[in-house]
Protein backbone atom coordinates (compact mmCIF):
# COMPACT_ATOMS: atom_id res chain seq x y z
CA UNK A 1 -16.63 16.43 -16.43
CA UNK A 2 -15.91 12.87 -17.60
CA UNK A 3 -14.80 10.20 -15.74
CA UNK A 4 -11.14 9.02 -15.97
CA UNK A 5 -10.46 5.81 -16.18
CA UNK A 6 -6.86 4.39 -15.97
CA UNK A 7 -5.74 1.10 -17.11
CA UNK A 8 -2.42 -0.51 -16.23
CA UNK A 9 -1.79 -3.43 -18.27
CA UNK A 10 0.92 -5.60 -17.19
CA UNK A 11 3.97 -6.37 -19.86
CA UNK A 12 2.25 -4.62 -22.46
CA UNK A 13 4.61 -3.81 -25.43
CA UNK A 14 4.08 -1.59 -28.86
CA UNK A 15 5.52 -4.19 -30.84
CA UNK A 16 3.32 -6.68 -29.68
CA UNK A 17 0.17 -4.59 -29.66
CA UNK A 18 0.90 -3.41 -33.32
CA UNK A 19 1.07 -6.72 -34.18
CA UNK A 20 -1.90 -7.65 -32.67
CA UNK A 21 -3.92 -5.05 -34.40
CA UNK A 22 -2.53 -5.83 -37.51
CA UNK A 23 -3.52 -9.66 -37.34
CA UNK A 24 -7.10 -8.29 -36.45
CA UNK A 25 -6.87 -9.93 -32.75
CA UNK A 26 -7.25 -6.57 -30.88
CA UNK A 27 -10.38 -4.66 -31.73
CA UNK A 28 -11.00 -2.98 -28.81
CA UNK A 29 -7.57 -1.64 -28.59
CA UNK A 30 -8.07 -0.34 -32.28
CA UNK A 31 -11.07 1.32 -31.74
CA UNK A 32 -9.61 2.87 -28.85
CA UNK A 33 -6.35 3.87 -30.66
CA UNK A 34 -8.51 5.58 -33.87
CA UNK A 35 -10.87 7.08 -31.66
CA UNK A 36 -7.71 8.93 -29.49
CA UNK A 37 -4.17 9.35 -29.13
CA UNK A 38 -1.69 6.58 -29.36
CA UNK A 39 1.88 6.58 -28.00
CA UNK A 40 4.39 3.72 -28.98
CA UNK A 41 7.11 4.80 -27.06
CA UNK A 42 6.13 5.69 -23.34
CA UNK A 43 9.22 5.45 -20.69
CA UNK A 44 8.77 3.82 -17.56
CA UNK A 45 10.17 3.59 -14.48
CA UNK A 46 13.77 1.82 -13.15
CA UNK A 47 13.50 -0.96 -12.12
CA UNK A 48 11.08 -2.10 -14.63
CA UNK A 49 9.37 -4.13 -11.57
CA UNK A 50 5.41 -3.51 -10.50
CA UNK A 51 6.03 -2.36 -7.11
CA UNK A 52 7.84 0.70 -7.83
CA UNK A 53 6.32 1.33 -10.99
CA UNK A 54 2.85 1.67 -9.08
CA UNK A 55 4.25 3.57 -6.83
CA UNK A 56 5.72 6.20 -9.13
CA UNK A 57 2.45 6.17 -11.29
CA UNK A 58 0.15 7.08 -8.27
CA UNK A 59 2.66 9.52 -6.51
CA UNK A 60 3.90 11.10 -9.93
CA UNK A 61 7.74 10.82 -8.57
CA UNK A 62 10.64 8.82 -8.93
CA UNK A 63 11.76 5.98 -6.14
CA UNK A 64 14.21 8.60 -4.84
CA UNK A 65 10.97 10.64 -3.65
CA UNK A 66 8.76 7.65 -2.83
CA UNK A 67 11.18 5.56 -1.29
CA UNK A 68 10.09 1.90 -2.76
CA UNK A 69 13.01 1.24 -4.68
CA UNK A 70 11.89 -2.21 -6.42
CA UNK A 71 9.93 -5.36 -6.39
CA UNK A 72 12.56 -6.87 -3.57
CA UNK A 73 14.90 -4.85 -1.66
CA UNK A 74 16.65 -4.84 1.54
CA UNK A 75 15.54 -2.95 4.43
CA UNK A 76 18.66 -2.29 6.82
CA UNK A 77 16.11 -1.21 9.79
CA UNK A 78 14.66 -4.62 9.87
CA UNK A 79 17.23 -6.11 8.50
CA UNK A 80 15.00 -8.25 6.25
CA UNK A 81 14.59 -8.40 2.68
CA UNK A 82 11.49 -6.86 1.42
CA UNK A 83 9.80 -8.87 -1.13
CA UNK A 84 6.18 -8.14 -2.64
CA UNK A 85 5.23 -11.50 -3.69
CA UNK A 86 7.80 -12.37 -6.45
CA UNK A 87 8.34 -16.01 -7.16
CA UNK A 88 6.95 -18.72 -5.68
CA UNK A 89 10.49 -20.27 -4.12
CA UNK A 90 11.89 -17.01 -2.50
CA UNK A 91 8.15 -16.10 -1.10
CA UNK A 92 8.09 -19.50 0.22
CA UNK A 93 11.81 -19.04 2.09
CA UNK A 94 11.14 -15.70 3.51
CA UNK A 95 7.32 -16.62 4.69
CA UNK A 96 4.36 -16.25 2.95
CA UNK A 97 2.92 -14.04 5.64
CA UNK A 98 6.21 -11.61 5.53
CA UNK A 99 5.73 -11.48 1.61
CA UNK A 100 1.90 -10.92 1.98
CA UNK A 101 2.48 -8.21 5.05
CA UNK A 102 4.79 -6.54 2.41
CA UNK A 103 2.66 -6.25 -0.41
CA UNK A 104 -0.78 -5.86 1.69
CA UNK A 105 -0.08 -3.48 4.21
CA UNK A 106 3.77 -2.28 4.22
CA UNK A 107 3.84 -1.20 0.68
CA UNK A 108 1.27 1.73 1.67
CA UNK A 109 1.52 2.12 5.24
CA UNK A 110 5.14 2.32 5.96
CA UNK A 111 7.40 1.89 2.93
CA UNK A 112 6.01 4.53 0.37
CA UNK A 113 7.18 7.87 1.85
CA UNK A 114 4.66 10.27 3.95
CA UNK A 115 6.21 13.20 2.06
CA UNK A 116 4.58 12.53 -1.32
CA UNK A 117 1.06 12.19 -1.95
CA UNK A 118 -1.00 9.71 -4.14
CA UNK A 119 -3.21 10.85 -6.77
CA UNK A 120 -6.15 9.27 -4.47
CA UNK A 121 -5.26 11.19 -1.33
CA UNK A 122 -5.03 14.33 -3.43
CA UNK A 123 -8.44 14.25 -5.38
CA UNK A 124 -10.52 13.08 -2.23
CA UNK A 125 -8.88 16.30 -0.31
CA UNK A 126 -10.28 18.26 -2.85
CA UNK A 127 -13.26 16.82 -2.78
CA UNK A 128 -13.57 14.46 -5.73
CA UNK A 129 -13.78 10.30 -5.53
CA UNK A 130 -11.34 8.19 -6.12
CA UNK A 131 -11.08 4.33 -7.00
CA UNK A 132 -8.22 1.45 -7.28
CA UNK A 133 -8.93 -1.91 -8.21
CA UNK A 134 -6.01 -4.73 -7.98
CA UNK A 135 -3.35 -1.99 -7.80
CA UNK A 136 -1.06 -2.62 -4.79
CA UNK A 137 -0.03 0.72 -4.71
CA UNK A 138 -3.42 2.34 -3.71
CA UNK A 139 -2.97 4.48 -0.41
CA UNK A 140 -5.62 6.97 0.48
CA UNK A 141 -7.47 8.30 3.12
CA UNK A 142 -10.16 5.94 4.01
CA UNK A 143 -9.37 2.22 6.15
CA UNK A 144 -10.89 -0.73 4.61
CA UNK A 145 -11.33 -4.34 6.36
CA UNK A 146 -9.45 -7.12 4.71
CA UNK A 147 -11.27 -10.46 4.07
CA UNK A 148 -8.54 -13.12 4.00
CA UNK A 149 -10.05 -16.45 2.55
CA UNK A 150 -9.68 -19.16 5.20
CA UNK A 151 -6.73 -21.22 3.18
CA UNK A 152 -4.89 -18.09 2.92
CA UNK A 153 -5.18 -17.15 6.04
CA UNK A 154 -4.30 -20.33 7.78
CA UNK A 155 -1.06 -20.53 5.18
CA UNK A 156 -0.06 -16.87 6.52
CA UNK A 157 -0.67 -17.71 10.17
CA UNK A 158 -3.60 -15.58 10.67
CA UNK A 159 -1.23 -12.56 10.51
CA UNK A 160 -3.20 -10.51 7.66
CA UNK A 161 -5.40 -8.51 9.95
CA UNK A 162 -4.46 -4.97 9.69
CA UNK A 163 -7.16 -2.38 8.03
CA UNK A 164 -5.70 -0.87 4.72
CA UNK A 165 -5.78 2.39 3.51
CA UNK A 166 -7.21 3.41 0.18
CA UNK A 167 -9.67 5.45 -2.01
CA UNK A 168 -13.01 5.14 -1.38
CA UNK A 169 -13.64 2.68 -4.06
CA UNK A 170 -10.77 -0.17 -3.20
CA UNK A 171 -10.80 -3.71 -4.30
CA UNK A 172 -7.77 -5.76 -3.69
CA UNK A 173 -9.18 -9.37 -5.35
CA UNK A 174 -11.54 -11.01 -2.86
CA UNK A 175 -9.17 -9.90 -0.17
CA UNK A 176 -10.44 -6.44 -0.11
CA UNK A 177 -13.92 -5.67 -1.35
CA UNK A 178 -15.63 -2.54 -1.79
CA UNK A 179 -18.53 -1.86 0.28
CA UNK A 180 -20.95 0.53 -2.01
CA UNK A 181 -22.46 -2.16 -4.36
CA UNK A 182 -23.88 -5.71 -4.38
CA UNK A 183 -21.77 -8.59 -4.28
CA UNK A 184 -20.48 -9.91 -7.54
CA UNK A 185 -21.96 -13.50 -8.25
CA UNK A 186 -19.08 -16.12 -7.75
CA UNK A 187 -17.31 -17.50 -10.60
CA UNK A 188 -13.70 -19.29 -10.90
CA UNK A 189 -11.73 -15.70 -11.25
CA UNK A 190 -12.52 -15.57 -7.44
CA UNK A 191 -10.96 -19.04 -6.55
CA UNK A 192 -7.65 -20.11 -5.52
CA UNK A 193 -6.54 -21.23 -8.58
CA UNK A 194 -7.41 -17.78 -9.98
CA UNK A 195 -5.17 -15.82 -7.08
CA UNK A 196 -8.14 -14.67 -5.46
CA UNK A 197 -9.69 -12.11 -8.15
CA UNK A 198 -6.25 -10.58 -8.73
CA UNK A 199 -6.59 -11.37 -12.58
CA UNK A 200 -7.98 -9.25 -15.63
CA UNK A 201 -11.61 -11.07 -15.20
CA UNK A 202 -12.61 -10.09 -12.04
CA UNK A 203 -11.02 -6.54 -12.48
CA UNK A 204 -13.30 -5.95 -15.17
CA UNK A 205 -16.36 -7.67 -13.21
CA UNK A 206 -15.68 -5.19 -10.20
CA UNK A 207 -15.15 -2.02 -12.80
CA UNK A 208 -18.28 -2.82 -14.61
CA UNK A 209 -20.54 -3.43 -11.22
CA UNK A 210 -18.95 0.11 -10.15
CA UNK A 211 -20.10 1.99 -13.28
CA UNK A 212 -23.45 -0.02 -12.80
CA UNK A 213 -23.79 0.91 -9.19
CA UNK A 214 -24.11 4.75 -10.12
CA UNK A 215 -21.20 5.66 -7.83
CA UNK A 216 -18.54 5.53 -10.10
CA UNK A 217 -15.24 7.83 -8.91
CA UNK A 218 -14.33 10.57 -10.92
CA UNK A 219 -10.83 8.74 -11.08
CA UNK A 220 -10.43 4.99 -11.20
CA UNK A 221 -6.86 2.94 -11.68
CA UNK A 222 -7.55 -0.26 -12.88
CA UNK A 223 -4.66 -3.37 -12.89
CA UNK A 224 -4.69 -6.14 -15.44
CA UNK A 225 -2.19 -8.54 -14.57
CA UNK A 226 -2.64 -11.75 -16.74
CA UNK A 227 -0.87 -10.59 -19.48
CA UNK A 228 2.91 -10.79 -17.56
CA UNK A 229 2.11 -14.06 -16.24
CA UNK A 230 1.62 -15.59 -19.56
CA UNK A 231 4.60 -13.78 -20.95
CA UNK A 232 7.10 -15.38 -18.24
CA UNK A 233 5.87 -19.03 -19.46
CA UNK A 234 5.33 -18.37 -23.08
CA UNK A 235 6.70 -15.09 -24.53
CA UNK A 236 6.62 -16.68 -28.36
CA UNK A 237 2.60 -16.94 -27.82
CA UNK A 238 2.85 -13.19 -26.87
CA UNK A 239 -0.08 -11.77 -29.51
CA UNK A 240 -2.46 -14.58 -28.30
CA UNK A 241 -2.05 -13.37 -24.83
CA UNK A 242 -2.83 -9.59 -25.28
CA UNK A 243 -5.45 -10.64 -27.24
CA UNK A 244 -6.97 -12.25 -24.23
CA UNK A 245 -6.74 -8.93 -22.75
CA UNK A 246 -8.17 -7.26 -25.58
CA UNK A 247 -11.40 -9.21 -24.95
CA UNK A 248 -11.77 -8.20 -21.05
CA UNK A 249 -11.18 -4.53 -22.22
CA UNK A 250 -14.08 -5.14 -25.13
CA UNK A 251 -16.11 -6.90 -22.04
CA UNK A 252 -16.06 -3.56 -20.29
CA UNK A 253 -16.85 -1.38 -23.39
CA UNK A 254 -19.84 -3.59 -24.24
CA UNK A 255 -21.01 -2.85 -20.54
CA UNK A 256 -22.39 0.38 -22.62
CA UNK A 257 -24.81 0.53 -25.40
CA UNK A 258 -22.14 1.32 -27.38
CA UNK A 259 -18.26 1.61 -27.65
CA UNK A 260 -18.66 5.32 -28.23
CA UNK A 261 -20.51 5.93 -25.59
CA UNK A 262 -18.03 4.40 -23.04
CA UNK A 263 -15.42 7.16 -24.56
CA UNK A 264 -18.09 9.55 -24.32
CA UNK A 265 -19.16 8.96 -20.64
CA UNK A 266 -15.13 8.47 -19.95
CA UNK A 267 -11.47 9.21 -20.52
CA UNK A 268 -9.65 5.90 -21.17
CA UNK A 269 -6.08 5.65 -20.70
CA UNK A 270 -4.12 2.59 -21.43
CA UNK A 271 -0.62 2.01 -20.39
CA UNK A 272 1.63 -0.35 -19.35
CA UNK A 273 4.06 -0.86 -16.54
CA UNK A 274 6.77 -2.50 -18.55
CA UNK A 275 7.96 -4.49 -21.16
CA UNK A 276 9.75 -8.03 -21.03
CA UNK A 277 12.58 -9.42 -22.67
CA UNK A 278 12.94 -13.28 -24.10
CA UNK A 279 15.55 -15.14 -21.89
CA UNK A 280 17.89 -17.21 -23.96
CA UNK A 281 16.99 -20.91 -23.31
CA UNK A 282 20.70 -22.24 -22.13
CA UNK A 283 22.51 -21.49 -19.06
CA UNK A 284 24.57 -19.25 -20.70
CA UNK A 285 22.20 -17.06 -20.48
CA UNK A 286 22.11 -17.13 -16.74
CA UNK A 287 24.56 -14.59 -14.69
CA UNK A 288 25.30 -16.57 -11.69
CA UNK A 289 25.89 -13.89 -8.87
CA UNK A 290 26.77 -16.13 -6.29
CA UNK A 291 29.70 -17.73 -8.54
CA UNK A 292 30.90 -14.12 -9.82
CA UNK A 293 30.95 -12.78 -6.10
CA UNK A 294 31.96 -16.30 -4.42
CA UNK A 295 35.09 -14.02 -3.15
CA UNK A 296 32.65 -12.03 -0.97
CA UNK A 297 30.84 -13.79 2.06
CA UNK A 298 27.14 -13.63 0.78
CA UNK A 299 24.43 -13.10 2.90
CA UNK A 300 22.07 -16.26 3.28
CA UNK A 301 18.60 -15.79 1.70
CA UNK A 302 15.83 -15.75 4.27
CA UNK A 303 18.49 -15.27 7.27
CA UNK A 304 19.41 -11.83 9.22
CA UNK A 305 22.87 -10.50 8.04
CA UNK A 306 25.61 -11.46 10.52
CA UNK A 307 28.69 -9.94 11.32
CA UNK A 308 30.94 -11.61 8.88
CA UNK A 309 28.36 -10.88 5.64
CA UNK A 310 29.48 -8.88 3.30
CA UNK A 311 26.85 -8.49 0.59
CA UNK A 312 23.28 -8.87 0.47
CA UNK A 313 21.31 -9.74 -2.97
CA UNK A 314 18.35 -8.68 -3.81
CA UNK A 315 17.25 -10.11 -6.98
CA UNK A 316 14.77 -8.25 -9.46
CA UNK A 317 15.16 -10.87 -12.15
CA UNK A 318 16.97 -8.67 -15.28
CA UNK A 319 18.41 -6.33 -12.28
CA UNK A 320 19.83 -6.89 -8.79
CA UNK A 321 20.26 -4.50 -6.04
CA UNK A 322 23.43 -5.37 -4.21
CA UNK A 323 23.98 -4.37 -0.84
CA UNK A 324 27.77 -3.89 0.53
CA UNK A 325 27.63 -4.46 4.37
CA UNK A 326 30.78 -2.47 5.22
CA UNK A 327 32.27 0.29 3.20
CA UNK A 328 35.57 -1.16 2.13
CA UNK A 329 33.18 -3.92 0.42
CA UNK A 330 32.15 -1.75 -2.26
CA UNK A 331 35.09 -1.26 -4.34
CA UNK A 332 35.85 -5.03 -4.42
CA UNK A 333 32.22 -5.57 -5.04
CA UNK A 334 32.35 -3.33 -8.37
CA UNK A 335 35.77 -4.63 -9.29
CA UNK A 336 34.39 -8.28 -9.40
CA UNK A 337 31.20 -7.09 -11.26
CA UNK A 338 32.91 -5.48 -14.06
CA UNK A 339 34.56 -8.63 -15.08
CA UNK A 340 31.13 -9.95 -16.07
CA UNK A 341 30.44 -8.67 -19.88
CA UNK A 342 26.81 -9.70 -19.67
CA UNK A 343 26.32 -6.92 -17.11
CA UNK A 344 25.46 -4.07 -18.96
CA UNK A 345 24.49 -1.45 -16.36
CA UNK A 346 26.95 -1.19 -12.73
CA UNK A 347 25.66 1.70 -11.09
CA UNK A 348 26.45 3.29 -7.25
CA UNK A 349 26.28 6.82 -5.97
CA UNK A 350 28.81 8.70 -4.10
CA UNK A 351 27.97 11.99 -2.33
CA UNK A 352 25.43 13.61 -4.86
CA UNK A 353 27.35 11.53 -7.89
CA UNK A 354 25.95 8.31 -9.60
CA UNK A 355 28.61 6.64 -10.99
CA UNK A 356 28.48 3.82 -14.08
CA UNK A 357 30.38 1.55 -15.55
CA UNK A 358 29.71 -1.49 -18.08
CA UNK A 359 30.90 -4.90 -17.62
CA UNK A 360 34.05 -5.59 -19.53
CA UNK A 361 34.82 -1.92 -19.94
CA UNK A 362 37.56 0.18 -18.18
CA UNK A 363 35.51 3.66 -18.46
CA UNK A 364 33.38 5.40 -16.23
CA UNK A 365 30.48 7.63 -16.48
CA UNK A 366 29.42 10.23 -13.72
CA UNK A 367 26.59 12.53 -13.52
CA UNK A 368 24.46 14.57 -10.92
CA UNK A 369 21.48 16.80 -10.95
CA UNK A 370 22.11 20.37 -11.77
CA UNK A 371 24.38 21.26 -14.16
CA UNK A 372 24.94 22.77 -17.75
CA UNK A 373 23.56 19.72 -19.53
CA UNK A 374 20.12 19.82 -20.48
CA UNK A 375 17.80 16.40 -21.44
CA UNK A 376 14.87 16.18 -23.60
CA UNK A 377 12.86 16.12 -20.58
CA UNK A 378 13.77 19.34 -19.44
CA UNK A 379 16.15 18.28 -16.51
CA UNK A 380 19.37 19.62 -15.86
CA UNK A 381 22.49 17.60 -15.22
CA UNK A 382 26.29 17.58 -14.62
CA UNK A 383 27.84 14.97 -16.91
CA UNK A 384 31.55 13.98 -16.35
CA UNK A 385 33.15 10.67 -18.49
CA UNK A 386 32.47 8.61 -21.38
CA UNK A 387 28.94 9.19 -22.76
CA UNK A 388 28.55 5.61 -24.43
CA UNK A 389 28.22 3.94 -21.41
CA UNK A 390 24.31 4.92 -20.90
CA UNK A 391 24.50 5.58 -25.12
CA UNK A 392 23.88 9.81 -24.43
CA UNK A 393 23.41 11.09 -27.47
CA UNK A 394 24.42 15.05 -27.70
CA UNK A 395 22.73 17.02 -30.43
CA UNK A 396 24.05 20.03 -32.11
CA UNK A 397 21.96 22.15 -29.76
CA UNK A 398 23.30 20.78 -26.75
CA UNK A 399 20.23 19.06 -26.02
CA UNK A 400 21.04 15.02 -24.53
CA UNK A 401 19.23 12.38 -25.85
CA UNK A 402 18.85 8.63 -24.97
CA UNK A 403 18.52 5.84 -27.02
CA UNK A 404 19.44 2.31 -25.28
CA UNK A 405 18.44 3.70 -22.13
CA UNK A 406 15.59 6.07 -22.11
CA UNK A 407 15.79 8.67 -19.13
CA UNK A 408 18.57 6.51 -17.82
CA UNK A 409 19.79 9.13 -15.49
CA UNK A 410 16.58 10.36 -13.70
CA UNK A 411 15.57 6.45 -13.79
CA UNK A 412 19.09 5.68 -11.99
CA UNK A 413 18.94 8.29 -9.82
CA UNK A 414 15.70 7.70 -8.54
CA UNK A 415 16.28 4.06 -7.80
CA UNK A 416 19.96 4.60 -5.91
CA UNK A 417 18.70 7.42 -4.01
CA UNK A 418 15.53 5.65 -2.84
CA UNK A 419 17.56 4.39 0.12
CA UNK A 420 20.49 6.33 2.17
CA UNK A 421 22.70 3.39 2.70
CA UNK A 422 24.97 1.97 0.08
CA UNK A 423 23.70 0.09 -3.06
CA UNK A 424 24.99 -1.26 -6.13
CA UNK A 425 22.41 -1.58 -9.01
CA UNK A 426 23.08 -3.73 -12.09
CA UNK A 427 21.32 -4.35 -15.17
CA UNK A 428 21.66 -7.10 -17.58
CA UNK A 429 22.25 -7.18 -21.58
CA UNK A 430 19.37 -8.33 -23.56
CA UNK A 431 18.35 -12.18 -23.70
CA UNK A 432 20.52 -12.26 -19.81
CA UNK A 433 18.94 -12.91 -16.36
CA UNK A 434 20.62 -12.61 -12.95
CA UNK A 435 20.44 -15.92 -10.70
CA UNK A 436 21.27 -16.02 -7.17
CA UNK A 437 20.28 -17.94 -3.85
CA UNK A 438 16.19 -18.47 -4.52
CA UNK A 439 15.82 -16.25 -7.43
CA UNK A 440 13.11 -17.34 -10.28
CA UNK A 441 14.28 -18.39 -13.22
CA UNK A 442 12.98 -17.86 -17.26
CA UNK A 443 15.07 -19.39 -19.81
CA UNK A 444 13.30 -19.34 -22.60
CA UNK A 445 10.49 -17.31 -21.05
CA UNK A 446 9.81 -13.75 -20.49
CA UNK A 447 11.90 -11.43 -18.00
CA UNK A 448 12.31 -7.72 -16.77
CA UNK A 449 13.84 -5.45 -14.41
CA UNK A 450 16.65 -4.17 -16.59
CA UNK A 451 17.26 -0.02 -17.73
CA UNK A 452 17.45 -1.70 -21.25
CA UNK A 453 14.50 0.03 -23.76
CA UNK A 454 13.30 -3.41 -24.49
CA UNK A 455 11.94 -3.37 -20.79
CA UNK A 456 11.96 0.51 -20.32
CA UNK A 457 9.26 1.50 -23.47
CA UNK A 458 5.45 0.87 -23.38
CA UNK A 459 2.93 1.95 -25.25
CA UNK A 460 0.28 4.56 -24.16
CA UNK A 461 -3.24 4.90 -25.51
CA UNK A 462 -5.91 7.77 -24.47
CA UNK A 463 -9.53 8.16 -26.13
CA UNK A 464 -12.48 10.19 -24.76
CA UNK A 465 -10.28 13.59 -24.23
CA UNK A 466 -9.70 16.36 -27.18
CA UNK A 467 -6.34 16.87 -25.15
CA UNK A 468 -3.05 15.09 -25.76
CA UNK A 469 -0.54 13.59 -23.57
CA UNK A 470 2.82 15.65 -24.02
CA UNK A 471 5.78 14.20 -25.63
CA UNK A 472 8.23 12.87 -24.81
CA UNK A 473 5.99 10.55 -22.91
CA UNK A 474 7.03 9.20 -19.36
CA UNK A 475 4.79 7.23 -17.11
CA UNK A 476 5.60 9.21 -14.01
CA UNK A 477 4.22 12.33 -15.41
CA UNK A 478 0.69 10.98 -15.92
CA UNK A 479 -0.47 11.74 -12.31
CA UNK A 480 -0.14 15.23 -13.26
CA UNK A 481 -1.46 15.40 -16.42
CA UNK A 482 -4.32 13.50 -15.28
CA UNK A 483 -5.03 15.86 -12.15
CA UNK A 484 -3.89 19.27 -14.20
CA UNK A 485 -5.36 18.64 -17.42
CA UNK A 486 -8.04 15.93 -17.29
CA UNK A 487 -9.80 16.69 -13.76
CA UNK A 488 -9.00 19.76 -11.71
CA UNK A 489 -10.49 22.75 -13.18
CA UNK A 490 -7.85 25.14 -11.32
CA UNK A 491 -3.85 24.38 -11.43
CA UNK A 492 -2.14 22.82 -8.38
CA UNK A 493 -0.88 24.93 -5.97
CA UNK A 494 2.92 25.19 -6.31
């Protein structure tokens, strides 16, 4: 049985990948595509932010089941904003120790539902081995010690001391090091300026060492984040940024006697978590929520909500979760949001229904699970109202297709029902981004988070297998495909 390697390349986009190959700047990706399957319209999870997507990737379900709503969200049980390290200023305001604990421990140990199992848990329960390199969602059955460098330990007030659950092999930069192979020689990719190994070069270093150790797991998930960081700053250089990722992939392929040997011994799957949208250069492309919602009492960032506070804003760049803290607030909130024409999706739940409006429009769409309508993913829905709000296309045979907002109903349902409390999810039009207290801003740079296909369509490459990933492809379906088709000889139990 071949080993399976799943590479998650942050912010890799089909158009940029195609340009990179056409210009001769991606020989590794070109080789993999020529030797395997290439899907240029795989659909990711909403919000198009890393944390909720990673959880869906390893659990095979949307946030309504794994219960991690996004990268930034509000926890009513602790009355705190959860931030898995997004934006220097908000992290500083909330406290590096708080956000560090969120991402290192709470995401896997507390936030992700125990009612769902990760691919690592299921594989190792069946006697297979599993590994995770630099992925923040990595829950497994083995406990791992953290080794926090002194400067980071001091900055987090020496509070990051818990053990972390993960698969047999777990690497989180230099913070959590696998125990089954010799230490990797020190280089600058392990330094503080390179995020203590949370980068592409170190991830590939670890992968190569795992392979050379002779103890490569049956399945390994590897996260390559550098492309995303660069796109936020300079999206005009997207082809060059992706070509640097290709060089790291080539370095992995070069660790074998030939590139062909690499895919003879492994099934190599490459997928992205989300795309990115270029934000306009002028402040007109900022949607200032503090101004738009000024008539409501907005909770002050990094404080505990008081009895007079009416809403909590959790900014995920091109989308936001806005939490009404009192029942009478939600209708007022929606009325205010509808006044902004550059908000293209305003969604909230009402019992089992999801309601959707657009900024500047009086019409509404409502949908719920089960009903007479069937979409291209074979999901049944009840739908009422204006189909155009989510650009739903009903074909002559009755099937519902998606265009601007791929898999919109399942993805919105997943985000809104990830929590039991009332919440309104908003998504910005292309080239616009939400701005609120302490939020990062990307004028002239790249941003993501929205429901729109620009942020939501990602490429998928698989080489080393005669099988094909089923179409239409979704990131959330990859876990089942890998386990049922590539790894396990028998079907999963119902």
